[in-house]
Amino acid sequence: MNRLQPTLPPSRPAPPRPAPPRPPERPSIRPLLLFSAVAVLVGGSLLALSTLVDPGAPFILAAVLAGLALPAIVCTYREAGTNGVRALLRDCVRLPDSWWWLPVAAFGLPVGAWVIAAALGGQEQLTWSLLVYYTADLVIGALVINVWEEMAWTGYLQRRAMARWGVTAGSVFTAAFFTGIHVPLAIDGAQSAKQVATNILFLAAVAIGLRVLVAHVDTWSGRSLLTIGVLHSSFNATESVLDPSHDWVRTFLTIAAAVAIVATARPGLLRVGRGLDEPAGLRERR
């Protein structure tokens, strides 16, 4: 027996959702300055305490979390909401597009620095214990400190600064505040005003070289902040494979690599402001 089917009124299509607001092509400078001021004031104060109180490690961790990671997350949320924060955090665990970027980031600098120092008689003796110590220092430093530090410096500040001013100028802008937060470490133990000035200038040169290097590796690795954190940790841990009198070798190699990249990079090879190099969160809102 056939039953009559009830006639339903025609359904009306749901009204389209309004498109999210399109972010400006050039990120506003105000949140960049606000983040930078908080990072230097809060993070720098905690790093200063780490030089005065023993042990200082808890204050270093607090500087990264309270002075860098938390402000980066808050600023990202204010700009791009929950999706922006998720995008930023995904970059922190994102593997590089090419797997070999991780071992290059982890061992490229220490191997190069050790070879140069060995030619000058300033290397540490290569032993299994040294390799284990370096690897442990690298992994712990990356996972506990440097990935979250770079979430703020690279993931929030530098990507936006480069989108606004370009790769080199954006890197130098970031390096200025990167230098500022580390000033307490640079002046710790200085014996004169001249030594303080020398240490700060040295720190600024290192910061510029490192930020330029980070800018390119961030793109080449496919926005992998995990790779950037490993690279940063590698720079810190490389001192363990060098005699203290030749610690300058890692700085020289970092700056030389940055200069070589800038000198050989083709125009347009590293694009910022759109697509791959667009700041996390802004891209999510498109």
C-alpha atoms as a PDB file:
ATOM      1  CA  MET A   1       0.000   0.000   0.000  1.00  0.00           C
ATOM      2  CA  ASN A   2       1.349   3.399  -0.927  1.00  0.00           C
ATOM      3  CA  ARG A   3       1.262   6.036   1.717  1.00  0.00           C
ATOM      4  CA  LEU A   4       0.970   9.665   0.923  1.00  0.00           C
ATOM      5  CA  GLN A   5       4.136  11.483   1.772  1.00  0.00           C
ATOM      6  CA  PRO A   6       3.690  14.766   3.577  1.00  0.00           C
ATOM      7  CA  THR A   7       4.549  17.763   1.519  1.00  0.00           C
ATOM      8  CA  LEU A   8       7.354  19.738   3.118  1.00  0.00           C
ATOM      9  CA  PRO A   9       7.801  23.419   2.508  1.00  0.00           C
ATOM     10  CA  PRO A  10      10.788  24.224   0.311  1.00  0.00           C
ATOM     11  CA  SER A  11      13.906  24.778   2.380  1.00  0.00           C
ATOM     12  CA  ARG A  12      15.582  28.124   2.192  1.00  0.00           C
ATOM     13  CA  PRO A  13      19.325  28.225   1.810  1.00  0.00           C
ATOM     14  CA  ALA A  14      21.164  29.518   4.841  1.00  0.00           C
ATOM     15  CA  PRO A  15      22.397  33.079   4.408  1.00  0.00           C
ATOM     16  CA  PRO A  16      26.108  33.179   3.557  1.00  0.00           C
ATOM     17  CA  ARG A  17      28.420  33.933   6.413  1.00  0.00           C
ATOM     18  CA  PRO A  18      30.123  37.281   6.178  1.00  0.00           C
ATOM     19  CA  ALA A  19      33.703  37.033   4.981  1.00  0.00           C
ATOM     20  CA  PRO A  20      36.314  37.703   7.669  1.00  0.00           C
ATOM     21  CA  PRO A  21      37.874  41.130   7.451  1.00  0.00           C
ATOM     22  CA  ARG A  22      40.863  41.213   5.161  1.00  0.00           C
ATOM     23  CA  PRO A  23      44.006  42.141   7.083  1.00  0.00           C
ATOM     24  CA  PRO A  24      46.085  45.030   5.862  1.00  0.00           C
ATOM     25  CA  GLU A  25      48.892  44.284   3.448  1.00  0.00           C
ATOM     26  CA  ARG A  26      51.309  45.928   5.892  1.00  0.00           C
ATOM     27  CA  PRO A  27      50.838  44.884   9.531  1.00  0.00           C
ATOM     28  CA  SER A  28      50.266  47.769  11.920  1.00  0.00           C
ATOM     29  CA  ILE A  29      53.346  48.965  13.762  1.00  0.00           C
ATOM     30  CA  ARG A  30      51.509  49.578  17.048  1.00  0.00           C
ATOM     31  CA  PRO A  31      51.151  45.904  18.145  1.00  0.00           C
ATOM     32  CA  LEU A  32      54.742  45.258  17.099  1.00  0.00           C
ATOM     33  CA  LEU A  33      56.003  48.046  19.337  1.00  0.00           C
ATOM     34  CA  LEU A  34      53.674  46.983  22.155  1.00  0.00           C
ATOM     35  CA  PHE A  35      54.912  43.396  22.028  1.00  0.00           C
ATOM     36  CA  SER A  36      58.537  44.543  21.840  1.00  0.00           C
ATOM     37  CA  ALA A  37      58.158  46.883  24.822  1.00  0.00           C
ATOM     38  CA  VAL A  38      56.611  44.135  26.963  1.00  0.00           C
ATOM     39  CA  ALA A  39      59.292  41.666  25.877  1.00  0.00           C
ATOM     40  CA  VAL A  40      62.166  43.990  26.765  1.00  0.00           C
ATOM     41  CA  LEU A  41      60.673  45.263  30.038  1.00  0.00           C
ATOM     42  CA  VAL A  42      59.298  41.991  31.417  1.00  0.00           C
ATOM     43  CA  GLY A  43      61.713  39.547  29.806  1.00  0.00           C
ATOM     44  CA  GLY A  44      64.726  41.785  30.327  1.00  0.00           C
ATOM     45  CA  SER A  45      63.900  42.298  34.019  1.00  0.00           C
ATOM     46  CA  LEU A  46      63.604  38.548  34.576  1.00  0.00           C
ATOM     47  CA  LEU A  47      66.887  37.920  32.750  1.00  0.00           C
ATOM     48  CA  ALA A  48      68.515  40.548  34.962  1.00  0.00           C
ATOM     49  CA  LEU A  49      67.269  38.639  38.011  1.00  0.00           C
ATOM     50  CA  SER A  50      68.774  35.445  36.565  1.00  0.00           C
ATOM     51  CA  THR A  51      72.214  37.083  36.821  1.00  0.00           C
ATOM     52  CA  LEU A  52      71.654  38.077  40.464  1.00  0.00           C
ATOM     53  CA  VAL A  53      69.901  35.055  41.952  1.00  0.00           C
ATOM     54  CA  ASP A  54      71.280  31.536  42.062  1.00  0.00           C
ATOM     55  CA  PRO A  55      70.000  29.400  40.441  1.00  0.00           C
ATOM     56  CA  GLY A  56      69.060  31.676  37.575  1.00  0.00           C
ATOM     57  CA  ALA A  57      67.472  29.047  35.305  1.00  0.00           C
ATOM     58  CA  PRO A  58      63.905  29.536  36.656  1.00  0.00           C
ATOM     59  CA  PHE A  59      64.114  33.250  35.852  1.00  0.00           C
ATOM     60  CA  ILE A  60      65.332  32.494  32.310  1.00  0.00           C
ATOM     61  CA  LEU A  61      62.364  30.171  31.785  1.00  0.00           C
ATOM     62  CA  ALA A  62      60.032  32.795  33.254  1.00  0.00           C
ATOM     63  CA  ALA A  63      61.484  35.411  30.890  1.00  0.00           C
ATOM     64  CA  VAL A  64      60.674  33.208  27.891  1.00  0.00           C
ATOM     65  CA  LEU A  65      57.171  32.284  29.044  1.00  0.00           C
ATOM     66  CA  ALA A  66      56.000  35.551  30.624  1.00  0.00           C
ATOM     67  CA  GLY A  67      58.062  38.001  28.599  1.00  0.00           C
ATOM     68  CA  LEU A  68      57.845  36.405  25.150  1.00  0.00           C
ATOM     69  CA  ALA A  69      55.501  33.446  24.656  1.00  0.00           C
ATOM     70  CA  LEU A  70      52.489  34.804  26.552  1.00  0.00           C
ATOM     71  CA  PRO A  71      52.611  38.290  24.953  1.00  0.00           C
ATOM     72  CA  ALA A  72      52.972  36.687  21.506  1.00  0.00           C
ATOM     73  CA  ILE A  73      49.905  34.518  22.070  1.00  0.00           C
ATOM     74  CA  VAL A  74      47.869  37.428  23.452  1.00  0.00           C
ATOM     75  CA  CYS A  75      48.826  39.735  20.561  1.00  0.00           C
ATOM     76  CA  THR A  76      48.098  36.998  18.013  1.00  0.00           C
ATOM     77  CA  TYR A  77      44.686  36.376  19.593  1.00  0.00           C
ATOM     78  CA  ARG A  78      43.852  40.085  19.497  1.00  0.00           C
ATOM     79  CA  GLU A  79      44.739  40.211  15.796  1.00  0.00           C
ATOM     80  CA  ALA A  80      43.475  36.874  14.474  1.00  0.00           C
ATOM     81  CA  GLY A  81      41.515  35.118  17.206  1.00  0.00           C
ATOM     82  CA  THR A  82      41.668  31.453  18.115  1.00  0.00           C
ATOM     83  CA  ASN A  83      42.531  30.342  14.577  1.00  0.00           C
ATOM     84  CA  GLY A  84      45.558  32.599  14.576  1.00  0.00           C
ATOM     85  CA  VAL A  85      46.819  31.174  17.874  1.00  0.00           C
ATOM     86  CA  ARG A  86      46.313  27.637  16.585  1.00  0.00           C
ATOM     87  CA  ALA A  87      48.256  28.453  13.426  1.00  0.00           C
ATOM     88  CA  LEU A  88      51.109  29.869  15.487  1.00  0.00           C
ATOM     89  CA  LEU A  89      51.231  26.807  17.745  1.00  0.00           C
ATOM     90  CA  ARG A  90      51.075  24.459  14.752  1.00  0.00           C
ATOM     91  CA  ASP A  91      54.189  26.149  13.376  1.00  0.00           C
ATOM     92  CA  CYS A  92      55.963  25.302  16.653  1.00  0.00           C
ATOM     93  CA  VAL A  93      55.554  21.563  16.041  1.00  0.00           C
ATOM     94  CA  ARG A  94      55.687  21.680  12.259  1.00  0.00           C
ATOM     95  CA  LEU A  95      58.383  19.492  10.717  1.00  0.00           C
ATOM     96  CA  PRO A  96      60.367  21.135   7.915  1.00  0.00           C
ATOM     97  CA  ASP A  97      59.241  20.520   4.336  1.00  0.00           C
ATOM     98  CA  SER A  98      62.530  18.707   3.735  1.00  0.00           C
ATOM     99  CA  TRP A  99      63.518  16.460   6.649  1.00  0.00           C
ATOM    100  CA  TRP A 100      67.232  17.217   6.272  1.00  0.00           C
ATOM    101  CA  TRP A 101      66.726  20.777   7.530  1.00  0.00           C
ATOM    102  CA  LEU A 102      66.549  19.458  11.101  1.00  0.00           C
ATOM    103  CA  PRO A 103      70.031  17.856  11.134  1.00  0.00           C
ATOM    104  CA  VAL A 104      71.424  20.854   9.236  1.00  0.00           C
ATOM    105  CA  ALA A 105      69.965  23.220  11.845  1.00  0.00           C
ATOM    106  CA  ALA A 106      71.207  20.985  14.659  1.00  0.00           C
ATOM    107  CA  PHE A 107      74.752  20.215  13.497  1.00  0.00           C
ATOM    108  CA  GLY A 108      75.696  22.601  10.687  1.00  0.00           C
ATOM    109  CA  LEU A 109      76.986  25.399  12.921  1.00  0.00           C
ATOM    110  CA  PRO A 110      78.869  23.268  15.507  1.00  0.00           C
ATOM    111  CA  VAL A 111      80.568  21.183  12.818  1.00  0.00           C
ATOM    112  CA  GLY A 112      81.647  24.275  10.887  1.00  0.00           C
ATOM    113  CA  ALA A 113      82.765  26.094  14.030  1.00  0.00           C
ATOM    114  CA  TRP A 114      84.670  23.055  15.314  1.00  0.00           C
ATOM    115  CA  VAL A 115      86.519  22.642  12.000  1.00  0.00           C
ATOM    116  CA  ILE A 116      87.556  26.311  11.922  1.00  0.00           C
ATOM    117  CA  ALA A 117      88.549  26.277  15.592  1.00  0.00           C
ATOM    118  CA  ALA A 118      90.532  23.060  15.072  1.00  0.00           C
ATOM    119  CA  ALA A 119      92.556  24.780  12.368  1.00  0.00           C
ATOM    120  CA  LEU A 120      93.360  27.495  14.907  1.00  0.00           C
ATOM    121  CA  GLY A 121      93.985  25.114  17.807  1.00  0.00           C
ATOM    122  CA  GLY A 122      90.898  26.247  19.711  1.00  0.00           C
ATOM    123  CA  GLN A 123      88.593  23.233  19.590  1.00  0.00           C
ATOM    124  CA  GLU A 124      87.499  20.933  22.397  1.00  0.00           C
ATOM    125  CA  GLN A 125      88.699  17.353  22.154  1.00  0.00           C
ATOM    126  CA  LEU A 126      86.148  15.360  20.171  1.00  0.00           C
ATOM    127  CA  THR A 127      84.895  12.535  22.408  1.00  0.00           C
ATOM    128  CA  TRP A 128      81.688  10.579  22.853  1.00  0.00           C
ATOM    129  CA  SER A 129      81.012  12.402  26.099  1.00  0.00           C
ATOM    130  CA  LEU A 130      81.287  15.751  24.298  1.00  0.00           C
ATOM    131  CA  LEU A 131      78.861  14.593  21.591  1.00  0.00           C
ATOM    132  CA  VAL A 132      76.382  13.375  24.206  1.00  0.00           C
ATOM    133  CA  TYR A 133      76.687  16.603  26.179  1.00  0.00           C
ATOM    134  CA  TYR A 134      76.184  18.741  23.057  1.00  0.00           C
ATOM    135  CA  THR A 135      73.171  16.712  21.912  1.00  0.00           C
ATOM    136  CA  ALA A 136      71.533  16.852  25.351  1.00  0.00           C
ATOM    137  CA  ASP A 137      72.173  20.596  25.579  1.00  0.00           C
ATOM    138  CA  LEU A 138      70.734  21.049  22.086  1.00  0.00           C
ATOM    139  CA  VAL A 139      67.554  19.030  22.660  1.00  0.00           C
ATOM    140  CA  ILE A 140      66.761  20.346  26.142  1.00  0.00           C
ATOM    141  CA  GLY A 141      67.488  23.927  25.132  1.00  0.00           C
ATOM    142  CA  ALA A 142      65.294  23.674  22.041  1.00  0.00           C
ATOM    143  CA  LEU A 143      62.307  22.001  23.693  1.00  0.00           C
ATOM    144  CA  VAL A 144      62.315  23.960  26.946  1.00  0.00           C
ATOM    145  CA  ILE A 145      63.441  27.409  25.812  1.00  0.00           C
ATOM    146  CA  ASN A 146      64.218  28.150  22.190  1.00  0.00           C
ATOM    147  CA  VAL A 147      61.156  26.845  20.316  1.00  0.00           C
ATOM    148  CA  TRP A 148      58.902  28.990  22.518  1.00  0.00           C
ATOM    149  CA  GLU A 149      61.308  31.892  22.352  1.00  0.00           C
ATOM    150  CA  GLU A 150      61.244  31.714  18.549  1.00  0.00           C
ATOM    151  CA  MET A 151      57.473  31.381  18.568  1.00  0.00           C
ATOM    152  CA  ALA A 152      57.573  34.971  19.798  1.00  0.00           C
ATOM    153  CA  TRP A 153      60.573  36.416  17.949  1.00  0.00           C
ATOM    154  CA  THR A 154      60.093  34.697  14.582  1.00  0.00           C
ATOM    155  CA  GLY A 155      56.488  33.536  14.654  1.00  0.00           C
ATOM    156  CA  TYR A 156      55.027  36.803  15.878  1.00  0.00           C
ATOM    157  CA  LEU A 157      57.424  39.733  15.599  1.00  0.00           C
ATOM    158  CA  GLN A 158      59.857  39.055  12.773  1.00  0.00           C
ATOM    159  CA  ARG A 159      57.384  37.703  10.233  1.00  0.00           C
ATOM    160  CA  ARG A 160      55.214  40.791  10.683  1.00  0.00           C
ATOM    161  CA  ALA A 161      58.184  43.143  10.640  1.00  0.00           C
ATOM    162  CA  MET A 162      59.402  41.594   7.385  1.00  0.00           C
ATOM    163  CA  ALA A 163      55.910  41.824   5.888  1.00  0.00           C
ATOM    164  CA  ARG A 164      55.924  45.529   6.698  1.00  0.00           C
ATOM    165  CA  TRP A 165      59.500  46.569   5.869  1.00  0.00           C
ATOM    166  CA  GLY A 166      61.077  43.720   3.928  1.00  0.00           C
ATOM    167  CA  VAL A 167      63.431  40.914   4.875  1.00  0.00           C
ATOM    168  CA  THR A 168      66.545  42.846   5.838  1.00  0.00           C
ATOM    169  CA  ALA A 169      64.889  45.816   7.542  1.00  0.00           C
ATOM    170  CA  GLY A 170      62.413  43.544   9.341  1.00  0.00           C
ATOM    171  CA  SER A 171      65.261  41.360  10.566  1.00  0.00           C
ATOM    172  CA  VAL A 172      67.206  44.382  11.829  1.00  0.00           C
ATOM    173  CA  PHE A 173      64.068  45.694  13.576  1.00  0.00           C
ATOM    174  CA  THR A 174      63.673  42.361  15.354  1.00  0.00           C
ATOM    175  CA  ALA A 175      67.384  42.245  16.167  1.00  0.00           C
ATOM    176  CA  ALA A 176      67.146  45.598  17.954  1.00  0.00           C
ATOM    177  CA  PHE A 177      64.667  44.263  20.505  1.00  0.00           C
ATOM    178  CA  PHE A 178      66.342  40.848  20.580  1.00  0.00           C
ATOM    179  CA  THR A 179      69.461  42.740  21.648  1.00  0.00           C
ATOM    180  CA  GLY A 180      67.511  44.777  24.181  1.00  0.00           C
ATOM    181  CA  ILE A 181      66.132  41.804  26.076  1.00  0.00           C
ATOM    182  CA  HIS A 182      69.613  40.202  26.260  1.00  0.00           C
ATOM    183  CA  VAL A 183      71.431  43.314  27.515  1.00  0.00           C
ATOM    184  CA  PRO A 184      71.420  42.098  31.172  1.00  0.00           C
ATOM    185  CA  LEU A 185      73.340  38.991  30.085  1.00  0.00           C
ATOM    186  CA  ALA A 186      75.776  41.063  28.024  1.00  0.00           C
ATOM    187  CA  ILE A 187      76.700  43.392  30.880  1.00  0.00           C
ATOM    188  CA  ASP A 188      76.862  40.698  33.552  1.00  0.00           C
ATOM    189  CA  GLY A 189      80.436  40.625  34.802  1.00  0.00           C
ATOM    190  CA  ALA A 190      81.580  43.653  32.784  1.00  0.00           C
ATOM    191  CA  GLN A 191      84.285  45.631  34.562  1.00  0.00           C
ATOM    192  CA  SER A 192      84.031  49.004  32.810  1.00  0.00           C
ATOM    193  CA  ALA A 193      81.767  51.195  30.693  1.00  0.00           C
ATOM    194  CA  LYS A 194      83.956  50.420  27.687  1.00  0.00           C
ATOM    195  CA  GLN A 195      83.492  46.703  28.203  1.00  0.00           C
ATOM    196  CA  VAL A 196      79.722  47.177  28.558  1.00  0.00           C
ATOM    197  CA  ALA A 197      79.602  49.109  25.282  1.00  0.00           C
ATOM    198  CA  THR A 198      81.773  46.512  23.545  1.00  0.00           C
ATOM    199  CA  ASN A 199      79.610  43.642  24.773  1.00  0.00           C
ATOM    200  CA  ILE A 200      76.394  45.340  23.632  1.00  0.00           C
ATOM    201  CA  LEU A 201      77.807  46.130  20.179  1.00  0.00           C
ATOM    202  CA  PHE A 202      79.011  42.545  19.887  1.00  0.00           C
ATOM    203  CA  LEU A 203      75.568  41.306  20.948  1.00  0.00           C
ATOM    204  CA  ALA A 204      73.875  43.540  18.360  1.00  0.00           C
ATOM    205  CA  ALA A 205      76.090  42.204  15.567  1.00  0.00           C
ATOM    206  CA  VAL A 206      75.314  38.626  16.579  1.00  0.00           C
ATOM    207  CA  ALA A 207      71.595  39.425  16.782  1.00  0.00           C
ATOM    208  CA  ILE A 208      71.506  40.885  13.265  1.00  0.00           C
ATOM    209  CA  GLY A 209      73.365  37.915  11.825  1.00  0.00           C
ATOM    210  CA  LEU A 210      71.154  35.410  13.612  1.00  0.00           C
ATOM    211  CA  ARG A 211      67.891  37.168  12.669  1.00  0.00           C
ATOM    212  CA  VAL A 212      68.868  37.388   8.990  1.00  0.00           C
ATOM    213  CA  LEU A 213      69.783  33.701   9.021  1.00  0.00           C
ATOM    214  CA  VAL A 214      66.505  32.838  10.769  1.00  0.00           C
ATOM    215  CA  ALA A 215      64.491  34.848   8.230  1.00  0.00           C
ATOM    216  CA  HIS A 216      65.705  32.674   5.373  1.00  0.00           C
ATOM    217  CA  VAL A 217      65.631  29.332   7.185  1.00  0.00           C
ATOM    218  CA  ASP A 218      62.039  30.049   8.238  1.00  0.00           C
ATOM    219  CA  THR A 219      61.053  30.218   4.571  1.00  0.00           C
ATOM    220  CA  TRP A 220      63.287  27.405   3.341  1.00  0.00           C
ATOM    221  CA  SER A 221      61.993  25.026   6.019  1.00  0.00           C
ATOM    222  CA  GLY A 222      58.343  25.810   5.270  1.00  0.00           C
ATOM    223  CA  ARG A 223      57.577  27.951   8.343  1.00  0.00           C
ATOM    224  CA  SER A 224      58.870  25.337  10.781  1.00  0.00           C
ATOM    225  CA  LEU A 225      59.426  27.114  14.094  1.00  0.00           C
ATOM    226  CA  LEU A 226      60.640  23.761  15.390  1.00  0.00           C
ATOM    227  CA  THR A 227      63.561  24.028  12.967  1.00  0.00           C
ATOM    228  CA  ILE A 228      64.180  27.651  13.979  1.00  0.00           C
ATOM    229  CA  GLY A 229      64.192  26.676  17.658  1.00  0.00           C
ATOM    230  CA  VAL A 230      66.716  23.917  16.960  1.00  0.00           C
ATOM    231  CA  LEU A 231      68.894  26.391  15.026  1.00  0.00           C
ATOM    232  CA  HIS A 232      68.802  28.878  17.923  1.00  0.00           C
ATOM    233  CA  SER A 233      69.585  26.141  20.433  1.00  0.00           C
ATOM    234  CA  SER A 234      72.436  24.964  18.214  1.00  0.00           C
ATOM    235  CA  PHE A 235      74.002  28.427  18.340  1.00  0.00           C
ATOM    236  CA  ASN A 236      73.843  28.402  22.144  1.00  0.00           C
ATOM    237  CA  ALA A 237      75.147  24.846  22.496  1.00  0.00           C
ATOM    238  CA  THR A 238      78.022  25.287  20.036  1.00  0.00           C
ATOM    239  CA  GLU A 239      80.069  26.976  22.768  1.00  0.00           C
ATOM    240  CA  SER A 240      80.500  23.536  24.346  1.00  0.00           C
ATOM    241  CA  VAL A 241      82.602  22.293  21.383  1.00  0.00           C
ATOM    242  CA  LEU A 242      84.926  25.316  21.427  1.00  0.00           C
ATOM    243  CA  ASP A 243      87.641  26.440  23.768  1.00  0.00           C
ATOM    244  CA  PRO A 244      86.437  29.596  25.584  1.00  0.00           C
ATOM    245  CA  SER A 245      89.228  31.588  23.935  1.00  0.00           C
ATOM    246  CA  HIS A 246      87.762  30.675  20.514  1.00  0.00           C
ATOM    247  CA  ASP A 247      84.077  31.142  21.286  1.00  0.00           C
ATOM    248  CA  TRP A 248      84.123  34.009  18.766  1.00  0.00           C
ATOM    249  CA  VAL A 249      84.245  31.434  15.968  1.00  0.00           C
ATOM    250  CA  ARG A 250      80.535  30.585  16.243  1.00  0.00           C
ATOM    251  CA  THR A 251      79.694  34.294  16.090  1.00  0.00           C
ATOM    252  CA  PHE A 252      81.952  34.822  13.087  1.00  0.00           C
ATOM    253  CA  LEU A 253      80.415  31.850  11.286  1.00  0.00           C
ATOM    254  CA  THR A 254      76.847  33.019  11.991  1.00  0.00           C
ATOM    255  CA  ILE A 255      77.499  36.537  10.713  1.00  0.00           C
ATOM    256  CA  ALA A 256      79.434  35.226   7.704  1.00  0.00           C
ATOM    257  CA  ALA A 257      76.557  32.912   6.784  1.00  0.00           C
ATOM    258  CA  ALA A 258      74.070  35.788   7.019  1.00  0.00           C
ATOM    259  CA  VAL A 259      76.256  38.057   4.865  1.00  0.00           C
ATOM    260  CA  ALA A 260      76.714  35.304   2.272  1.00  0.00           C
ATOM    261  CA  ILE A 261      72.964  34.686   2.113  1.00  0.00           C
ATOM    262  CA  VAL A 262      72.157  38.366   1.661  1.00  0.00           C
ATOM    263  CA  ALA A 263      74.889  38.772  -0.954  1.00  0.00           C
ATOM    264  CA  THR A 264      73.801  35.785  -3.036  1.00  0.00           C
ATOM    265  CA  ALA A 265      70.009  35.881  -2.605  1.00  0.00           C
ATOM    266  CA  ARG A 266      68.196  36.653  -5.835  1.00  0.00           C
ATOM    267  CA  PRO A 267      65.619  39.444  -5.751  1.00  0.00           C
ATOM    268  CA  GLY A 268      62.151  38.042  -5.181  1.00  0.00           C
ATOM    269  CA  LEU A 269      63.485  34.682  -3.968  1.00  0.00           C
ATOM    270  CA  LEU A 270      62.248  35.383  -0.458  1.00  0.00           C
ATOM    271  CA  ARG A 271      58.803  36.924  -0.612  1.00  0.00           C
ATOM    272  CA  VAL A 272      57.109  38.317   2.427  1.00  0.00           C
ATOM    273  CA  GLY A 273      53.653  39.519   3.210  1.00  0.00           C
ATOM    274  CA  ARG A 274      51.735  36.837   1.272  1.00  0.00           C
ATOM    275  CA  GLY A 275      51.459  33.065   1.190  1.00  0.00           C
ATOM    276  CA  LEU A 276      54.332  31.106   2.706  1.00  0.00           C
ATOM    277  CA  ASP A 277      55.913  34.014   4.524  1.00  0.00           C
ATOM    278  CA  GLU A 278      52.738  35.669   5.734  1.00  0.00           C
ATOM    279  CA  PRO A 279      52.498  35.919   9.524  1.00  0.00           C
ATOM    280  CA  ALA A 280      50.660  33.051  11.200  1.00  0.00           C
ATOM    281  CA  GLY A 281      47.150  34.137  12.059  1.00  0.00           C
ATOM    282  CA  LEU A 282      46.827  36.818   9.409  1.00  0.00           C
ATOM    283  CA  ARG A 283      46.835  34.108   6.771  1.00  0.00           C
ATOM    284  CA  GLU A 284      44.206  32.169   8.735  1.00  0.00           C
ATOM    285  CA  ARG A 285      41.807  35.102   8.579  1.00  0.00           C
ATOM    286  CA  ARG A 286      41.768  35.332   4.775  1.00  0.00           C
END
